[in-house]
Amino acid sequence: MITAKELAEKLNGRAYGDSFDDVKQEAKESGLVIVYGASDDLMEFDGAIYDEGGCFDGGRVYFDRNGVDQEGEERANWIDAVWCDGMNRDGLPATWTYETEIPCERFDIWEDGEVYCVGLVFSIEDLK
């Protein structure tokens, strides 16, 4: 078993495009969900939830333990994707950041020397 904090530390500093294959199974077995950006329009979910939500130019993605609601119907949990208007913990601008009420740990994904995404790790047990 791995904690959200330990998993976020393992993911921190990786490059955009990394597969996370080395941690996906451990995350799933530990009940942890990894959230990160892909392209300019996707919020990826990996680990205990495997899905993706559309968030072109930012927006809110609703989901529950079964995954994302692609129709945009409200489910118990949400994450707001912020496009090109957020910063990481060190105050550096990031292409993708996320806001949520779910208790989570954060990690940075880099691309060409800049912060591409501030991803999230949280426990599926913390979902409503």
C-alpha atoms as a PDB file:
ATOM      1  CA  MET A   1       0.000   0.000   0.000  1.00  0.00           C
ATOM      2  CA  ILE A   2       1.108   3.517  -0.792  1.00  0.00           C
ATOM      3  CA  THR A   3      -0.273   6.811   0.530  1.00  0.00           C
ATOM      4  CA  ALA A   4      -1.446   9.722  -1.616  1.00  0.00           C
ATOM      5  CA  LYS A   5       1.518  11.771  -0.404  1.00  0.00           C
ATOM      6  CA  GLU A   6       4.018   9.012  -1.295  1.00  0.00           C
ATOM      7  CA  LEU A   7       2.473   8.563  -4.741  1.00  0.00           C
ATOM      8  CA  ALA A   8       2.497  12.315  -5.426  1.00  0.00           C
ATOM      9  CA  GLU A   9       6.187  12.371  -4.484  1.00  0.00           C
ATOM     10  CA  LYS A  10       6.875   9.534  -6.969  1.00  0.00           C
ATOM     11  CA  LEU A  11       5.039  11.422  -9.724  1.00  0.00           C
ATOM     12  CA  ASN A  12       6.460  14.870  -9.013  1.00  0.00           C
ATOM     13  CA  GLY A  13       8.917  16.126 -11.622  1.00  0.00           C
ATOM     14  CA  ARG A  14       7.958  13.731 -14.391  1.00  0.00           C
ATOM     15  CA  ALA A  15       7.788  14.809 -18.017  1.00  0.00           C
ATOM     16  CA  TYR A  16       4.607  15.343 -20.017  1.00  0.00           C
ATOM     17  CA  GLY A  17       3.853  12.128 -21.888  1.00  0.00           C
ATOM     18  CA  ASP A  18       5.189   9.746 -19.215  1.00  0.00           C
ATOM     19  CA  SER A  19       2.889   6.732 -18.957  1.00  0.00           C
ATOM     20  CA  PHE A  20       2.840   6.260 -15.152  1.00  0.00           C
ATOM     21  CA  ASP A  21       2.825   2.500 -15.901  1.00  0.00           C
ATOM     22  CA  ASP A  22       5.239   1.918 -13.021  1.00  0.00           C
ATOM     23  CA  VAL A  23       2.711   3.213 -10.446  1.00  0.00           C
ATOM     24  CA  LYS A  24      -0.765   2.627 -11.928  1.00  0.00           C
ATOM     25  CA  GLN A  25      -1.288  -0.828 -10.431  1.00  0.00           C
ATOM     26  CA  GLU A  26       0.002   0.199  -7.002  1.00  0.00           C
ATOM     27  CA  ALA A  27      -2.277   3.253  -7.091  1.00  0.00           C
ATOM     28  CA  LYS A  28      -5.274   1.089  -7.999  1.00  0.00           C
ATOM     29  CA  GLU A  29      -4.530  -1.455  -5.253  1.00  0.00           C
ATOM     30  CA  SER A  30      -4.134   1.399  -2.748  1.00  0.00           C
ATOM     31  CA  GLY A  31      -7.441   3.008  -3.770  1.00  0.00           C
ATOM     32  CA  LEU A  32      -5.716   6.118  -5.107  1.00  0.00           C
ATOM     33  CA  VAL A  33      -6.774   8.226  -8.081  1.00  0.00           C
ATOM     34  CA  ILE A  34      -4.266  10.188 -10.206  1.00  0.00           C
ATOM     35  CA  VAL A  35      -5.613  13.228 -12.097  1.00  0.00           C
ATOM     36  CA  TYR A  36      -3.570  15.066 -14.722  1.00  0.00           C
ATOM     37  CA  GLY A  37      -3.929  16.978 -17.975  1.00  0.00           C
ATOM     38  CA  ALA A  38      -3.419  15.712 -21.495  1.00  0.00           C
ATOM     39  CA  SER A  39      -3.381  17.761 -24.681  1.00  0.00           C
ATOM     40  CA  ASP A  40      -5.369  20.989 -24.438  1.00  0.00           C
ATOM     41  CA  ASP A  41      -8.719  19.445 -23.632  1.00  0.00           C
ATOM     42  CA  LEU A  42      -8.503  16.344 -21.420  1.00  0.00           C
ATOM     43  CA  MET A  43      -8.518  15.602 -17.707  1.00  0.00           C
ATOM     44  CA  GLU A  44      -7.147  12.071 -17.274  1.00  0.00           C
ATOM     45  CA  PHE A  45      -8.043   9.788 -14.354  1.00  0.00           C
ATOM     46  CA  ASP A  46      -5.773   6.832 -13.572  1.00  0.00           C
ATOM     47  CA  GLY A  47      -5.396   4.281 -10.786  1.00  0.00           C
ATOM     48  CA  ALA A  48      -8.581   3.448  -8.838  1.00  0.00           C
ATOM     49  CA  ILE A  49     -10.625   5.294 -11.509  1.00  0.00           C
ATOM     50  CA  TYR A  50      -9.653   4.959 -15.171  1.00  0.00           C
ATOM     51  CA  ASP A  51     -11.455   7.534 -17.306  1.00  0.00           C
ATOM     52  CA  GLU A  52     -11.136  10.960 -18.884  1.00  0.00           C
ATOM     53  CA  GLY A  53     -13.202  14.113 -19.005  1.00  0.00           C
ATOM     54  CA  GLY A  54     -13.349  16.861 -21.575  1.00  0.00           C
ATOM     55  CA  CYS A  55     -12.294  20.297 -20.361  1.00  0.00           C
ATOM     56  CA  PHE A  56     -11.283  22.334 -23.419  1.00  0.00           C
ATOM     57  CA  ASP A  57     -10.108  25.763 -22.235  1.00  0.00           C
ATOM     58  CA  GLY A  58     -10.895  24.732 -18.641  1.00  0.00           C
ATOM     59  CA  GLY A  59     -14.157  23.791 -16.950  1.00  0.00           C
ATOM     60  CA  ARG A  60     -15.728  21.480 -14.394  1.00  0.00           C
ATOM     61  CA  VAL A  61     -15.676  17.682 -14.656  1.00  0.00           C
ATOM     62  CA  TYR A  62     -18.176  15.716 -12.546  1.00  0.00           C
ATOM     63  CA  PHE A  63     -17.455  12.154 -11.475  1.00  0.00           C
ATOM     64  CA  ASP A  64     -18.049   9.464  -8.883  1.00  0.00           C
ATOM     65  CA  ARG A  65     -16.449   6.117  -8.030  1.00  0.00           C
ATOM     66  CA  ASN A  66     -17.700   4.728 -11.354  1.00  0.00           C
ATOM     67  CA  GLY A  67     -16.007   7.400 -13.438  1.00  0.00           C
ATOM     68  CA  VAL A  68     -16.714  10.614 -15.299  1.00  0.00           C
ATOM     69  CA  ASP A  69     -20.132  11.759 -16.461  1.00  0.00           C
ATOM     70  CA  GLN A  70     -19.411  12.703 -20.077  1.00  0.00           C
ATOM     71  CA  GLU A  71     -22.818  14.365 -20.430  1.00  0.00           C
ATOM     72  CA  GLY A  72     -21.890  16.952 -17.811  1.00  0.00           C
ATOM     73  CA  GLU A  73     -24.595  15.814 -15.414  1.00  0.00           C
ATOM     74  CA  GLU A  74     -23.812  16.666 -11.849  1.00  0.00           C
ATOM     75  CA  ARG A  75     -22.391  13.848  -9.796  1.00  0.00           C
ATOM     76  CA  ALA A  76     -21.298  14.048  -6.189  1.00  0.00           C
ATOM     77  CA  ASN A  77     -17.676  15.061  -6.910  1.00  0.00           C
ATOM     78  CA  TRP A  78     -16.082  17.647  -9.168  1.00  0.00           C
ATOM     79  CA  ILE A  79     -12.731  19.002 -10.243  1.00  0.00           C
ATOM     80  CA  ASP A  80     -12.320  22.345 -11.986  1.00  0.00           C
ATOM     81  CA  ALA A  81      -9.651  22.448 -14.680  1.00  0.00           C
ATOM     82  CA  VAL A  82      -7.926  25.825 -14.938  1.00  0.00           C
ATOM     83  CA  TRP A  83      -6.248  26.481 -18.302  1.00  0.00           C
ATOM     84  CA  CYS A  84      -3.251  28.845 -18.415  1.00  0.00           C
ATOM     85  CA  ASP A  85      -4.284  30.769 -15.291  1.00  0.00           C
ATOM     86  CA  GLY A  86      -2.759  28.869 -12.371  1.00  0.00           C
ATOM     87  CA  MET A  87       0.508  28.291 -10.559  1.00  0.00           C
ATOM     88  CA  ASN A  88       2.283  25.436  -8.834  1.00  0.00           C
ATOM     89  CA  ARG A  89       3.275  25.423  -5.148  1.00  0.00           C
ATOM     90  CA  ASP A  90       6.471  27.345  -5.976  1.00  0.00           C
ATOM     91  CA  GLY A  91       4.614  30.164  -7.738  1.00  0.00           C
ATOM     92  CA  LEU A  92       5.584  29.061 -11.250  1.00  0.00           C
ATOM     93  CA  PRO A  93       2.928  29.396 -13.969  1.00  0.00           C
ATOM     94  CA  ALA A  94       1.352  26.093 -15.037  1.00  0.00           C
ATOM     95  CA  THR A  95      -0.617  25.269 -18.184  1.00  0.00           C
ATOM     96  CA  TRP A  96      -3.086  23.064 -16.257  1.00  0.00           C
ATOM     97  CA  THR A  97      -4.039  23.354 -12.593  1.00  0.00           C
ATOM     98  CA  TYR A  98      -7.006  21.866 -10.766  1.00  0.00           C
ATOM     99  CA  GLU A  99      -9.320  22.994  -7.999  1.00  0.00           C
ATOM    100  CA  THR A 100     -11.440  20.635  -5.894  1.00  0.00           C
ATOM    101  CA  GLU A 101     -12.865  20.164  -2.415  1.00  0.00           C
ATOM    102  CA  ILE A 102     -11.501  16.596  -2.292  1.00  0.00           C
ATOM    103  CA  PRO A 103      -8.529  16.242   0.098  1.00  0.00           C
ATOM    104  CA  CYS A 104      -5.533  15.659  -2.188  1.00  0.00           C
ATOM    105  CA  GLU A 105      -1.801  15.809  -2.723  1.00  0.00           C
ATOM    106  CA  ARG A 106      -0.301  17.643  -5.703  1.00  0.00           C
ATOM    107  CA  PHE A 107       2.560  16.946  -8.113  1.00  0.00           C
ATOM    108  CA  ASP A 108       4.143  18.773 -11.058  1.00  0.00           C
ATOM    109  CA  ILE A 109       4.505  17.483 -14.610  1.00  0.00           C
ATOM    110  CA  TRP A 110       7.031  19.355 -16.751  1.00  0.00           C
ATOM    111  CA  GLU A 111       7.322  20.047 -20.472  1.00  0.00           C
ATOM    112  CA  ASP A 112      10.262  21.845 -22.083  1.00  0.00           C
ATOM    113  CA  GLY A 113      11.429  23.354 -18.791  1.00  0.00           C
ATOM    114  CA  GLU A 114       8.014  24.684 -17.779  1.00  0.00           C
ATOM    115  CA  VAL A 115       5.259  23.353 -15.512  1.00  0.00           C
ATOM    116  CA  TYR A 116       2.726  21.695 -17.801  1.00  0.00           C
ATOM    117  CA  CYS A 117       0.356  20.406 -15.153  1.00  0.00           C
ATOM    118  CA  VAL A 118      -0.150  20.392 -11.392  1.00  0.00           C
ATOM    119  CA  GLY A 119      -1.735  16.967 -10.979  1.00  0.00           C
ATOM    120  CA  LEU A 120      -3.727  15.543  -8.076  1.00  0.00           C
ATOM    121  CA  VAL A 121      -3.650  12.313  -6.087  1.00  0.00           C
ATOM    122  CA  PHE A 122      -6.539  11.454  -3.775  1.00  0.00           C
ATOM    123  CA  SER A 123      -8.122   8.448  -2.106  1.00  0.00           C
ATOM    124  CA  ILE A 124     -11.292   6.996  -3.598  1.00  0.00           C
ATOM    125  CA  GLU A 125     -12.443   6.668   0.032  1.00  0.00           C
ATOM    126  CA  ASP A 126     -12.655  10.478   0.234  1.00  0.00           C
ATOM    127  CA  LEU A 127     -15.270  10.667  -2.536  1.00  0.00           C
ATOM    128  CA  LYS A 128     -18.890  11.380  -1.722  1.00  0.00           C
END
